Amino acid sequence: LRNIDAPLIVFPELCFFTNGVVSSLERAVQVSTQMVSLISVF
């Protein structure tokens, strides 16, 4: 993400999930939180 020359980067909805499909809501909350942390690092 650092190499993209744009100040605003937009991903599709629920991009953390295969084809945007949420199968387990509790797990989806955990994955979402982890991925936000990862994006912040990037």
Full PDB file with SEQRES, HELIX, SHEET, SSBOND, CRYST1, ORIGX, SCALE, CONECT and MASTER records, all heavy atoms in Angstrom:
SEQRES   1 A   42  LEU ARG ASN ILE ASP ALA PRO LEU ILE VAL PHE PRO GLU          
SEQRES   2 A   42  LEU CYS PHE PHE THR ASN GLY VAL VAL SER SER LEU GLU          
SEQRES   3 A   42  ARG ALA VAL GLN VAL SER THR GLN MET VAL SER LEU ILE          
SEQRES   4 A   42  SER VAL PHE                                                  
HELIX    1 AA1 THR A   18  GLY A   20  5                                   3    
HELIX    2 AA2 LEU A   25  VAL A   41  1                                  17    
CRYST1    1.000    1.000    1.000  90.00  90.00  90.00 P 1           1          
ORIGX1      1.000000  0.000000  0.000000        0.00000                         
ORIGX2      0.000000  1.000000  0.000000        0.00000                         
ORIGX3      0.000000  0.000000  1.000000        0.00000                         
SCALE1      1.000000  0.000000  0.000000        0.00000                         
SCALE2      0.000000  1.000000  0.000000        0.00000                         
SCALE3      0.000000  0.000000  1.000000        0.00000                         
ATOM      1  N   LEU A   1       0.818  -1.218   0.000  1.00  0.00           N  
ATOM      2  CA  LEU A   1       0.000   0.000   0.000  1.00  0.00           C  
ATOM      3  C   LEU A   1       0.847   1.261   0.000  1.00  0.00           C  
ATOM      4  O   LEU A   1       0.448   2.285  -0.518  1.00  0.00           O  
ATOM      5  CB  LEU A   1      -0.930   0.004   1.218  1.00  0.00           C  
ATOM      6  CG  LEU A   1      -2.034  -1.043   1.233  1.00  0.00           C  
ATOM      7  CD1 LEU A   1      -2.773  -1.000   2.559  1.00  0.00           C  
ATOM      8  CD2 LEU A   1      -2.985  -0.844   0.087  1.00  0.00           C  
ATOM      9  N   ARG A   2       2.040   1.193   0.607  1.00  0.00           N  
ATOM     10  CA  ARG A   2       2.905   2.368   0.660  1.00  0.00           C  
ATOM     11  C   ARG A   2       3.337   2.836  -0.718  1.00  0.00           C  
ATOM     12  O   ARG A   2       3.612   4.001  -0.926  1.00  0.00           O  
ATOM     13  CB  ARG A   2       4.148   2.051   1.475  1.00  0.00           C  
ATOM     14  CG  ARG A   2       4.050   2.504   2.887  1.00  0.00           C  
ATOM     15  CD  ARG A   2       5.291   2.177   3.619  1.00  0.00           C  
ATOM     16  NE  ARG A   2       4.840   1.158   4.575  1.00  0.00           N  
ATOM     17  CZ  ARG A   2       5.601   0.321   5.188  1.00  0.00           C  
ATOM     18  NH1 ARG A   2       6.874   0.322   4.979  1.00  0.00           N  
ATOM     19  NH2 ARG A   2       5.116  -0.533   6.040  1.00  0.00           N  
ATOM     20  N   ASN A   3       3.414   1.905  -1.668  1.00  0.00           N  
ATOM     21  CA  ASN A   3       3.908   2.238  -3.008  1.00  0.00           C  
ATOM     22  C   ASN A   3       2.835   2.776  -3.931  1.00  0.00           C  
ATOM     23  O   ASN A   3       3.134   3.196  -5.042  1.00  0.00           O  
ATOM     24  CB  ASN A   3       4.564   1.001  -3.630  1.00  0.00           C  
ATOM     25  CG  ASN A   3       5.781   0.565  -2.838  1.00  0.00           C  
ATOM     26  OD1 ASN A   3       6.444   1.382  -2.209  1.00  0.00           O  
ATOM     27  ND2 ASN A   3       6.057  -0.720  -2.837  1.00  0.00           N  
ATOM     28  N   ILE A   4       1.595   2.756  -3.510  1.00  0.00           N  
ATOM     29  CA  ILE A   4       0.521   3.303  -4.326  1.00  0.00           C  
ATOM     30  C   ILE A   4       0.557   4.820  -4.194  1.00  0.00           C  
ATOM     31  O   ILE A   4       0.529   5.353  -3.092  1.00  0.00           O  
ATOM     32  CB  ILE A   4      -0.847   2.738  -3.883  1.00  0.00           C  
ATOM     33  CG1 ILE A   4      -0.884   1.229  -4.124  1.00  0.00           C  
ATOM     34  CG2 ILE A   4      -1.981   3.442  -4.614  1.00  0.00           C  
ATOM     35  CD1 ILE A   4      -2.117   0.558  -3.580  1.00  0.00           C  
ATOM     36  N   ASP A   5       0.619   5.501  -5.331  1.00  0.00           N  
ATOM     37  CA  ASP A   5       0.743   6.957  -5.320  1.00  0.00           C  
ATOM     38  C   ASP A   5      -0.642   7.611  -5.302  1.00  0.00           C  
ATOM     39  O   ASP A   5      -1.063   8.230  -6.268  1.00  0.00           O  
ATOM     40  CB  ASP A   5       1.542   7.415  -6.541  1.00  0.00           C  
ATOM     41  CG  ASP A   5       1.886   8.886  -6.468  1.00  0.00           C  
ATOM     42  OD1 ASP A   5       1.954   9.426  -5.345  1.00  0.00           O  
ATOM     43  OD2 ASP A   5       2.070   9.499  -7.532  1.00  0.00           O  
ATOM     44  N   ALA A   6      -1.334   7.424  -4.193  1.00  0.00           N  
ATOM     45  CA  ALA A   6      -2.659   8.021  -4.024  1.00  0.00           C  
ATOM     46  C   ALA A   6      -2.893   8.242  -2.532  1.00  0.00           C  
ATOM     47  O   ALA A   6      -2.542   7.394  -1.716  1.00  0.00           O  
ATOM     48  CB  ALA A   6      -3.735   7.102  -4.586  1.00  0.00           C  
ATOM     49  N   PRO A   7      -3.488   9.362  -2.175  1.00  0.00           N  
ATOM     50  CA  PRO A   7      -3.744   9.614  -0.746  1.00  0.00           C  
ATOM     51  C   PRO A   7      -4.961   8.861  -0.213  1.00  0.00           C  
ATOM     52  O   PRO A   7      -5.137   8.742   0.988  1.00  0.00           O  
ATOM     53  CB  PRO A   7      -3.967  11.123  -0.691  1.00  0.00           C  
ATOM     54  CG  PRO A   7      -4.493  11.465  -2.049  1.00  0.00           C  
ATOM     55  CD  PRO A   7      -3.843  10.506  -3.002  1.00  0.00           C  
ATOM     56  N   LEU A   8      -5.808   8.360  -1.130  1.00  0.00           N  
ATOM     57  CA  LEU A   8      -7.022   7.652  -0.726  1.00  0.00           C  
ATOM     58  C   LEU A   8      -7.116   6.357  -1.526  1.00  0.00           C  
ATOM     59  O   LEU A   8      -7.116   6.379  -2.759  1.00  0.00           O  
ATOM     60  CB  LEU A   8      -8.259   8.523  -0.981  1.00  0.00           C  
ATOM     61  CG  LEU A   8      -9.598   7.968  -0.534  1.00  0.00           C  
ATOM     62  CD1 LEU A   8      -9.646   7.809   0.993  1.00  0.00           C  
ATOM     63  CD2 LEU A   8     -10.727   8.883  -0.988  1.00  0.00           C  
ATOM     64  N   ILE A   9      -7.185   5.243  -0.820  1.00  0.00           N  
ATOM     65  CA  ILE A   9      -7.259   3.924  -1.439  1.00  0.00           C  
ATOM     66  C   ILE A   9      -8.580   3.297  -1.004  1.00  0.00           C  
ATOM     67  O   ILE A   9      -8.897   3.278   0.182  1.00  0.00           O  
ATOM     68  CB  ILE A   9      -6.076   3.046  -0.987  1.00  0.00           C  
ATOM     69  CG1 ILE A   9      -4.750   3.723  -1.350  1.00  0.00           C  
ATOM     70  CG2 ILE A   9      -6.175   1.649  -1.589  1.00  0.00           C  
ATOM     71  CD1 ILE A   9      -3.543   3.178  -0.629  1.00  0.00           C  
ATOM     72  N   VAL A  10      -9.344   2.806  -1.973  1.00  0.00           N  
ATOM     73  CA  VAL A  10     -10.664   2.248  -1.666  1.00  0.00           C  
ATOM     74  C   VAL A  10     -10.704   0.784  -2.092  1.00  0.00           C  
ATOM     75  O   VAL A  10     -10.391   0.452  -3.234  1.00  0.00           O  
ATOM     76  CB  VAL A  10     -11.791   3.031  -2.376  1.00  0.00           C  
ATOM     77  CG1 VAL A  10     -13.153   2.501  -1.955  1.00  0.00           C  
ATOM     78  CG2 VAL A  10     -11.671   4.518  -2.087  1.00  0.00           C  
ATOM     79  N   PHE A  11     -11.106  -0.070  -1.160  1.00  0.00           N  
ATOM     80  CA  PHE A  11     -11.282  -1.500  -1.423  1.00  0.00           C  
ATOM     81  C   PHE A  11     -12.771  -1.830  -1.427  1.00  0.00           C  
ATOM     82  O   PHE A  11     -13.565  -1.118  -0.805  1.00  0.00           O  
ATOM     83  CB  PHE A  11     -10.592  -2.342  -0.351  1.00  0.00           C  
ATOM     84  CG  PHE A  11      -9.093  -2.288  -0.393  1.00  0.00           C  
ATOM     85  CD1 PHE A  11      -8.369  -1.896   0.721  1.00  0.00           C  
ATOM     86  CD2 PHE A  11      -8.399  -2.643  -1.539  1.00  0.00           C  
ATOM     87  CE1 PHE A  11      -6.980  -1.860   0.696  1.00  0.00           C  
ATOM     88  CE2 PHE A  11      -7.009  -2.609  -1.577  1.00  0.00           C  
ATOM     89  CZ  PHE A  11      -6.304  -2.215  -0.462  1.00  0.00           C  
ATOM     90  N   PRO A  12     -13.154  -2.923  -2.078  1.00  0.00           N  
ATOM     91  CA  PRO A  12     -14.566  -3.331  -2.048  1.00  0.00           C  
ATOM     92  C   PRO A  12     -15.029  -3.624  -0.616  1.00  0.00           C  
ATOM     93  O   PRO A  12     -14.213  -3.831   0.286  1.00  0.00           O  
ATOM     94  CB  PRO A  12     -14.581  -4.616  -2.879  1.00  0.00           C  
ATOM     95  CG  PRO A  12     -13.364  -4.543  -3.728  1.00  0.00           C  
ATOM     96  CD  PRO A  12     -12.344  -3.795  -2.910  1.00  0.00           C  
ATOM     97  N   GLU A  13     -16.343  -3.692  -0.453  1.00  0.00           N  
ATOM     98  CA  GLU A  13     -16.885  -4.039   0.856  1.00  0.00           C  
ATOM     99  C   GLU A  13     -16.374  -5.410   1.289  1.00  0.00           C  
ATOM    100  O   GLU A  13     -16.130  -6.286   0.461  1.00  0.00           O  
ATOM    101  CB  GLU A  13     -18.410  -4.030   0.831  1.00  0.00           C  
ATOM    102  CG  GLU A  13     -19.000  -5.187   0.052  1.00  0.00           C  
ATOM    103  CD  GLU A  13     -20.515  -5.258   0.116  1.00  0.00           C  
ATOM    104  OE1 GLU A  13     -21.188  -4.223   0.253  1.00  0.00           O  
ATOM    105  OE2 GLU A  13     -21.027  -6.378   0.012  1.00  0.00           O  
ATOM    106  N   LEU A  14     -16.198  -5.546   2.580  1.00  0.00           N  
ATOM    107  CA  LEU A  14     -15.832  -6.833   3.183  1.00  0.00           C  
ATOM    108  C   LEU A  14     -14.673  -7.495   2.445  1.00  0.00           C  
ATOM    109  O   LEU A  14     -14.661  -8.699   2.208  1.00  0.00           O  
ATOM    110  CB  LEU A  14     -17.051  -7.748   3.238  1.00  0.00           C  
ATOM    111  CG  LEU A  14     -18.261  -7.166   3.987  1.00  0.00           C  
ATOM    112  CD1 LEU A  14     -19.488  -8.043   3.776  1.00  0.00           C  
ATOM    113  CD2 LEU A  14     -17.964  -6.968   5.460  1.00  0.00           C  
ATOM    114  N   CYS A  15     -13.681  -6.703   2.090  1.00  0.00           N  
ATOM    115  CA  CYS A  15     -12.556  -7.204   1.298  1.00  0.00           C  
ATOM    116  C   CYS A  15     -11.715  -8.212   2.064  1.00  0.00           C  
ATOM    117  O   CYS A  15     -10.905  -8.914   1.472  1.00  0.00           O  
ATOM    118  CB  CYS A  15     -11.691  -6.062   0.786  1.00  0.00           C  
ATOM    119  SG  CYS A  15     -10.758  -5.202   2.069  1.00  0.00           S  
ATOM    120  N   PHE A  16     -11.917  -8.321   3.359  1.00  0.00           N  
ATOM    121  CA  PHE A  16     -11.152  -9.258   4.170  1.00  0.00           C  
ATOM    122  C   PHE A  16     -11.657 -10.690   4.037  1.00  0.00           C  
ATOM    123  O   PHE A  16     -11.065 -11.606   4.589  1.00  0.00           O  
ATOM    124  CB  PHE A  16     -11.204  -8.871   5.650  1.00  0.00           C  
ATOM    125  CG  PHE A  16     -10.906  -7.419   5.930  1.00  0.00           C  
ATOM    126  CD1 PHE A  16     -11.667  -6.713   6.838  1.00  0.00           C  
ATOM    127  CD2 PHE A  16      -9.868  -6.755   5.301  1.00  0.00           C  
ATOM    128  CE1 PHE A  16     -11.394  -5.376   7.118  1.00  0.00           C  
ATOM    129  CE2 PHE A  16      -9.590  -5.425   5.564  1.00  0.00           C  
ATOM    130  CZ  PHE A  16     -10.349  -4.734   6.475  1.00  0.00           C  
ATOM    131  N   PHE A  17     -12.778 -10.886   3.350  1.00  0.00           N  
ATOM    132  CA  PHE A  17     -13.429 -12.192   3.283  1.00  0.00           C  
ATOM    133  C   PHE A  17     -13.525 -12.668   1.839  1.00  0.00           C  
ATOM    134  O   PHE A  17     -13.829 -11.875   0.935  1.00  0.00           O  
ATOM    135  CB  PHE A  17     -14.831 -12.110   3.901  1.00  0.00           C  
ATOM    136  CG  PHE A  17     -14.800 -11.529   5.279  1.00  0.00           C  
ATOM    137  CD1 PHE A  17     -15.086 -10.190   5.488  1.00  0.00           C  
ATOM    138  CD2 PHE A  17     -14.433 -12.297   6.368  1.00  0.00           C  
ATOM    139  CE1 PHE A  17     -15.020  -9.630   6.752  1.00  0.00           C  
ATOM    140  CE2 PHE A  17     -14.355 -11.750   7.638  1.00  0.00           C  
ATOM    141  CZ  PHE A  17     -14.654 -10.406   7.833  1.00  0.00           C  
ATOM    142  N   THR A  18     -13.302 -13.954   1.614  1.00  0.00           N  
ATOM    143  CA  THR A  18     -13.379 -14.526   0.281  1.00  0.00           C  
ATOM    144  C   THR A  18     -14.739 -14.231  -0.334  1.00  0.00           C  
ATOM    145  O   THR A  18     -15.773 -14.573   0.235  1.00  0.00           O  
ATOM    146  CB  THR A  18     -13.142 -16.054   0.342  1.00  0.00           C  
ATOM    147  OG1 THR A  18     -11.887 -16.293   0.979  1.00  0.00           O  
ATOM    148  CG2 THR A  18     -13.136 -16.648  -1.057  1.00  0.00           C  
ATOM    149  N   ASN A  19     -14.713 -13.559  -1.469  1.00  0.00           N  
ATOM    150  CA  ASN A  19     -15.929 -13.146  -2.177  1.00  0.00           C  
ATOM    151  C   ASN A  19     -16.879 -12.326  -1.314  1.00  0.00           C  
ATOM    152  O   ASN A  19     -18.066 -12.237  -1.607  1.00  0.00           O  
ATOM    153  CB  ASN A  19     -16.663 -14.361  -2.762  1.00  0.00           C  
ATOM    154  CG  ASN A  19     -15.834 -15.064  -3.805  1.00  0.00           C  
ATOM    155  OD1 ASN A  19     -15.159 -14.421  -4.597  1.00  0.00           O  
ATOM    156  ND2 ASN A  19     -15.854 -16.378  -3.803  1.00  0.00           N  
ATOM    157  N   GLY A  20     -16.387 -11.735  -0.241  1.00  0.00           N  
ATOM    158  CA  GLY A  20     -17.217 -10.906   0.628  1.00  0.00           C  
ATOM    159  C   GLY A  20     -18.225 -11.685   1.433  1.00  0.00           C  
ATOM    160  O   GLY A  20     -19.156 -11.100   1.984  1.00  0.00           O  
ATOM    161  N   VAL A  21     -18.044 -12.996   1.532  1.00  0.00           N  
ATOM    162  CA  VAL A  21     -18.999 -13.845   2.237  1.00  0.00           C  
ATOM    163  C   VAL A  21     -18.592 -13.987   3.699  1.00  0.00           C  
ATOM    164  O   VAL A  21     -17.476 -14.398   4.015  1.00  0.00           O  
ATOM    165  CB  VAL A  21     -19.103 -15.239   1.582  1.00  0.00           C  
ATOM    166  CG1 VAL A  21     -20.015 -16.153   2.388  1.00  0.00           C  
ATOM    167  CG2 VAL A  21     -19.586 -15.106   0.152  1.00  0.00           C  
ATOM    168  N   VAL A  22     -19.533 -13.646   4.577  1.00  0.00           N  
ATOM    169  CA  VAL A  22     -19.322 -13.763   6.015  1.00  0.00           C  
ATOM    170  C   VAL A  22     -20.073 -15.001   6.487  1.00  0.00           C  
ATOM    171  O   VAL A  22     -21.294 -15.058   6.406  1.00  0.00           O  
ATOM    172  CB  VAL A  22     -19.843 -12.506   6.751  1.00  0.00           C  
ATOM    173  CG1 VAL A  22     -19.780 -12.685   8.249  1.00  0.00           C  
ATOM    174  CG2 VAL A  22     -19.055 -11.282   6.304  1.00  0.00           C  
ATOM    175  N   SER A  23     -19.337 -15.999   6.973  1.00  0.00           N  
ATOM    176  CA  SER A  23     -19.988 -17.237   7.401  1.00  0.00           C  
ATOM    177  C   SER A  23     -20.164 -17.292   8.919  1.00  0.00           C  
ATOM    178  O   SER A  23     -21.178 -17.770   9.403  1.00  0.00           O  
ATOM    179  CB  SER A  23     -19.220 -18.461   6.902  1.00  0.00           C  
ATOM    180  OG  SER A  23     -17.859 -18.360   7.251  1.00  0.00           O  
ATOM    181  N   SER A  24     -19.192 -16.807   9.656  1.00  0.00           N  
ATOM    182  CA  SER A  24     -19.285 -16.763  11.117  1.00  0.00           C  
ATOM    183  C   SER A  24     -19.135 -15.314  11.563  1.00  0.00           C  
ATOM    184  O   SER A  24     -18.077 -14.706  11.371  1.00  0.00           O  
ATOM    185  CB  SER A  24     -18.177 -17.614  11.752  1.00  0.00           C  
ATOM    186  OG  SER A  24     -18.037 -17.291  13.126  1.00  0.00           O  
ATOM    187  N   LEU A  25     -20.177 -14.777  12.155  1.00  0.00           N  
ATOM    188  CA  LEU A  25     -20.150 -13.360  12.527  1.00  0.00           C  
ATOM    189  C   LEU A  25     -19.115 -13.071  13.605  1.00  0.00           C  
ATOM    190  O   LEU A  25     -18.397 -12.071  13.527  1.00  0.00           O  
ATOM    191  CB  LEU A  25     -21.543 -12.914  12.964  1.00  0.00           C  
ATOM    192  CG  LEU A  25     -22.535 -12.822  11.812  1.00  0.00           C  
ATOM    193  CD1 LEU A  25     -23.957 -12.677  12.341  1.00  0.00           C  
ATOM    194  CD2 LEU A  25     -22.193 -11.650  10.908  1.00  0.00           C  
ATOM    195  N   GLU A  26     -19.024 -13.911  14.608  1.00  0.00           N  
ATOM    196  CA  GLU A  26     -18.036 -13.683  15.676  1.00  0.00           C  
ATOM    197  C   GLU A  26     -16.616 -13.705  15.099  1.00  0.00           C  
ATOM    198  O   GLU A  26     -15.792 -12.869  15.436  1.00  0.00           O  
ATOM    199  CB  GLU A  26     -18.194 -14.723  16.786  1.00  0.00           C  
ATOM    200  CG  GLU A  26     -19.508 -14.628  17.545  1.00  0.00           C  
ATOM    201  CD  GLU A  26     -19.665 -13.363  18.377  1.00  0.00           C  
ATOM    202  OE1 GLU A  26     -18.669 -12.672  18.662  1.00  0.00           O  
ATOM    203  OE2 GLU A  26     -20.818 -13.053  18.738  1.00  0.00           O  
ATOM    204  N   ARG A  27     -16.350 -14.663  14.231  1.00  0.00           N  
ATOM    205  CA  ARG A  27     -15.031 -14.755  13.593  1.00  0.00           C  
ATOM    206  C   ARG A  27     -14.808 -13.552  12.670  1.00  0.00           C  
ATOM    207  O   ARG A  27     -13.702 -13.023  12.584  1.00  0.00           O  
ATOM    208  CB  ARG A  27     -14.919 -16.071  12.811  1.00  0.00           C  
ATOM    209  CG  ARG A  27     -13.619 -16.255  12.102  1.00  0.00           C  
ATOM    210  CD  ARG A  27     -12.498 -16.626  13.060  1.00  0.00           C  
ATOM    211  NE  ARG A  27     -11.270 -16.806  12.301  1.00  0.00           N  
ATOM    212  CZ  ARG A  27     -10.153 -16.151  12.541  1.00  0.00           C  
ATOM    213  NH1 ARG A  27     -10.080 -15.321  13.559  1.00  0.00           N  
ATOM    214  NH2 ARG A  27      -9.086 -16.339  11.810  1.00  0.00           N  
ATOM    215  N   ALA A  28     -15.851 -13.106  11.995  1.00  0.00           N  
ATOM    216  CA  ALA A  28     -15.736 -11.956  11.098  1.00  0.00           C  
ATOM    217  C   ALA A  28     -15.327 -10.693  11.854  1.00  0.00           C  
ATOM    218  O   ALA A  28     -14.554  -9.886  11.349  1.00  0.00           O  
ATOM    219  CB  ALA A  28     -17.045 -11.731  10.352  1.00  0.00           C  
ATOM    220  N   VAL A  29     -15.840 -10.535  13.061  1.00  0.00           N  
ATOM    221  CA  VAL A  29     -15.462  -9.382  13.886  1.00  0.00           C  
ATOM    222  C   VAL A  29     -13.968  -9.455  14.211  1.00  0.00           C  
ATOM    223  O   VAL A  29     -13.248  -8.460  14.109  1.00  0.00           O  
ATOM    224  CB  VAL A  29     -16.316  -9.321  15.177  1.00  0.00           C  
ATOM    225  CG1 VAL A  29     -15.775  -8.285  16.144  1.00  0.00           C  
ATOM    226  CG2 VAL A  29     -17.770  -9.042  14.839  1.00  0.00           C  
ATOM    227  N   GLN A  30     -13.486 -10.632  14.559  1.00  0.00           N  
ATOM    228  CA  GLN A  30     -12.059 -10.820  14.881  1.00  0.00           C  
ATOM    229  C   GLN A  30     -11.177 -10.547  13.665  1.00  0.00           C  
ATOM    230  O   GLN A  30     -10.183  -9.821  13.763  1.00  0.00           O  
ATOM    231  CB  GLN A  30     -11.809 -12.236  15.389  1.00  0.00           C  
ATOM    232  CG  GLN A  30     -12.445 -12.538  16.709  1.00  0.00           C  
ATOM    233  CD  GLN A  30     -12.317 -14.021  17.066  1.00  0.00           C  
ATOM    234  OE1 GLN A  30     -11.974 -14.856  16.239  1.00  0.00           O  
ATOM    235  NE2 GLN A  30     -12.600 -14.334  18.322  1.00  0.00           N  
ATOM    236  N   VAL A  31     -11.547 -11.129  12.522  1.00  0.00           N  
ATOM    237  CA  VAL A  31     -10.772 -10.940  11.291  1.00  0.00           C  
ATOM    238  C   VAL A  31     -10.752  -9.466  10.898  1.00  0.00           C  
ATOM    239  O   VAL A  31      -9.711  -8.923  10.529  1.00  0.00           O  
ATOM    240  CB  VAL A  31     -11.332 -11.816  10.146  1.00  0.00           C  
ATOM    241  CG1 VAL A  31     -10.731 -11.433   8.800  1.00  0.00           C  
ATOM    242  CG2 VAL A  31     -11.094 -13.292  10.440  1.00  0.00           C  
ATOM    243  N   SER A  32     -11.900  -8.814  10.988  1.00  0.00           N  
ATOM    244  CA  SER A  32     -11.982  -7.384  10.642  1.00  0.00           C  
ATOM    245  C   SER A  32     -11.017  -6.569  11.488  1.00  0.00           C  
ATOM    246  O   SER A  32     -10.263  -5.735  10.969  1.00  0.00           O  
ATOM    247  CB  SER A  32     -13.410  -6.876  10.833  1.00  0.00           C  
ATOM    248  OG  SER A  32     -14.295  -7.458   9.907  1.00  0.00           O  
ATOM    249  N   THR A  33     -11.010  -6.812  12.781  1.00  0.00           N  
ATOM    250  CA  THR A  33     -10.132  -6.071  13.696  1.00  0.00           C  
ATOM    251  C   THR A  33      -8.664  -6.329  13.370  1.00  0.00           C  
ATOM    252  O   THR A  33      -7.848  -5.397  13.338  1.00  0.00           O  
ATOM    253  CB  THR A  33     -10.439  -6.462  15.154  1.00  0.00           C  
ATOM    254  OG1 THR A  33     -11.816  -6.180  15.409  1.00  0.00           O  
ATOM    255  CG2 THR A  33      -9.578  -5.690  16.133  1.00  0.00           C  
ATOM    256  N   GLN A  34      -8.315  -7.583  13.095  1.00  0.00           N  
ATOM    257  CA  GLN A  34      -6.932  -7.920  12.758  1.00  0.00           C  
ATOM    258  C   GLN A  34      -6.496  -7.255  11.452  1.00  0.00           C  
ATOM    259  O   GLN A  34      -5.375  -6.741  11.354  1.00  0.00           O  
ATOM    260  CB  GLN A  34      -6.778  -9.438  12.642  1.00  0.00           C  
ATOM    261  CG  GLN A  34      -6.926 -10.156  13.955  1.00  0.00           C  
ATOM    262  CD  GLN A  34      -7.072 -11.672  13.787  1.00  0.00           C  
ATOM    263  OE1 GLN A  34      -7.289 -12.166  12.691  1.00  0.00           O  
ATOM    264  NE2 GLN A  34      -6.948 -12.386  14.896  1.00  0.00           N  
ATOM    265  N   MET A  35      -7.373  -7.244  10.469  1.00  0.00           N  
ATOM    266  CA  MET A  35      -7.020  -6.671   9.180  1.00  0.00           C  
ATOM    267  C   MET A  35      -6.881  -5.150   9.246  1.00  0.00           C  
ATOM    268  O   MET A  35      -6.031  -4.577   8.567  1.00  0.00           O  
ATOM    269  CB  MET A  35      -8.026  -7.092   8.112  1.00  0.00           C  
ATOM    270  CG  MET A  35      -7.987  -8.586   7.804  1.00  0.00           C  
ATOM    271  SD  MET A  35      -6.330  -9.203   7.375  1.00  0.00           S  
ATOM    272  CE  MET A  35      -6.084  -8.410   5.803  1.00  0.00           C  
ATOM    273  N   VAL A  36      -7.697  -4.510  10.048  1.00  0.00           N  
ATOM    274  CA  VAL A  36      -7.547  -3.060  10.239  1.00  0.00           C  
ATOM    275  C   VAL A  36      -6.171  -2.760  10.816  1.00  0.00           C  
ATOM    276  O   VAL A  36      -5.472  -1.847  10.359  1.00  0.00           O  
ATOM    277  CB  VAL A  36      -8.669  -2.500  11.140  1.00  0.00           C  
ATOM    278  CG1 VAL A  36      -8.333  -1.096  11.622  1.00  0.00           C  
ATOM    279  CG2 VAL A  36      -9.997  -2.503  10.403  1.00  0.00           C  
ATOM    280  N   SER A  37      -5.747  -3.542  11.783  1.00  0.00           N  
ATOM    281  CA  SER A  37      -4.410  -3.354  12.364  1.00  0.00           C  
ATOM    282  C   SER A  37      -3.324  -3.554  11.313  1.00  0.00           C  
ATOM    283  O   SER A  37      -2.353  -2.792  11.261  1.00  0.00           O  
ATOM    284  CB  SER A  37      -4.189  -4.325  13.523  1.00  0.00           C  
ATOM    285  OG  SER A  37      -5.071  -4.043  14.568  1.00  0.00           O  
ATOM    286  N   LEU A  38      -3.494  -4.541  10.470  1.00  0.00           N  
ATOM    287  CA  LEU A  38      -2.515  -4.815   9.427  1.00  0.00           C  
ATOM    288  C   LEU A  38      -2.446  -3.673   8.412  1.00  0.00           C  
ATOM    289  O   LEU A  38      -1.357  -3.237   8.025  1.00  0.00           O  
ATOM    290  CB  LEU A  38      -2.862  -6.132   8.725  1.00  0.00           C  
ATOM    291  CG  LEU A  38      -1.850  -6.671   7.736  1.00  0.00           C  
ATOM    292  CD1 LEU A  38      -0.498  -6.906   8.397  1.00  0.00           C  
ATOM    293  CD2 LEU A  38      -2.371  -7.962   7.130  1.00  0.00           C  
ATOM    294  N   ILE A  39      -3.586  -3.162   8.001  1.00  0.00           N  
ATOM    295  CA  ILE A  39      -3.608  -2.021   7.067  1.00  0.00           C  
ATOM    296  C   ILE A  39      -2.919  -0.817   7.697  1.00  0.00           C  
ATOM    297  O   ILE A  39      -2.143  -0.118   7.039  1.00  0.00           O  
ATOM    298  CB  ILE A  39      -5.048  -1.688   6.633  1.00  0.00           C  
ATOM    299  CG1 ILE A  39      -5.565  -2.768   5.678  1.00  0.00           C  
ATOM    300  CG2 ILE A  39      -5.125  -0.313   5.964  1.00  0.00           C  
ATOM    301  CD1 ILE A  39      -7.034  -2.654   5.329  1.00  0.00           C  
ATOM    302  N   SER A  40      -3.165  -0.583   8.980  1.00  0.00           N  
ATOM    303  CA  SER A  40      -2.514   0.541   9.669  1.00  0.00           C  
ATOM    304  C   SER A  40      -0.995   0.416   9.612  1.00  0.00           C  
ATOM    305  O   SER A  40      -0.289   1.402   9.413  1.00  0.00           O  
ATOM    306  CB  SER A  40      -2.959   0.612  11.127  1.00  0.00           C  
ATOM    307  OG  SER A  40      -4.306   0.928  11.211  1.00  0.00           O  
ATOM    308  N   VAL A  41      -0.490  -0.794   9.774  1.00  0.00           N  
ATOM    309  CA  VAL A  41       0.950  -1.030   9.693  1.00  0.00           C  
ATOM    310  C   VAL A  41       1.453  -0.742   8.286  1.00  0.00           C  
ATOM    311  O   VAL A  41       2.488  -0.112   8.101  1.00  0.00           O  
ATOM    312  CB  VAL A  41       1.294  -2.484  10.113  1.00  0.00           C  
ATOM    313  CG1 VAL A  41       2.743  -2.833   9.790  1.00  0.00           C  
ATOM    314  CG2 VAL A  41       1.022  -2.677  11.602  1.00  0.00           C  
ATOM    315  N   PHE A  42       0.705  -1.192   7.262  1.00  0.00           N  
ATOM    316  CA  PHE A  42       1.123  -0.982   5.876  1.00  0.00           C  
ATOM    317  C   PHE A  42       1.198   0.493   5.504  1.00  0.00           C  
ATOM    318  O   PHE A  42       2.029   0.882   4.697  1.00  0.00           O  
ATOM    319  CB  PHE A  42       0.199  -1.699   4.898  1.00  0.00           C  
ATOM    320  CG  PHE A  42       0.470  -3.174   4.782  1.00  0.00           C  
ATOM    321  CD1 PHE A  42      -0.569  -4.076   4.882  1.00  0.00           C  
ATOM    322  CD2 PHE A  42       1.752  -3.662   4.571  1.00  0.00           C  
ATOM    323  CE1 PHE A  42      -0.334  -5.437   4.776  1.00  0.00           C  
ATOM    324  CE2 PHE A  42       1.996  -5.019   4.464  1.00  0.00           C  
ATOM    325  CZ  PHE A  42       0.956  -5.911   4.564  1.00  0.00           C  
TER     326      PHE A  42                                                      
MASTER        0    0    0    2    0    0    0    6  325    1    0    4          
END                                                                             
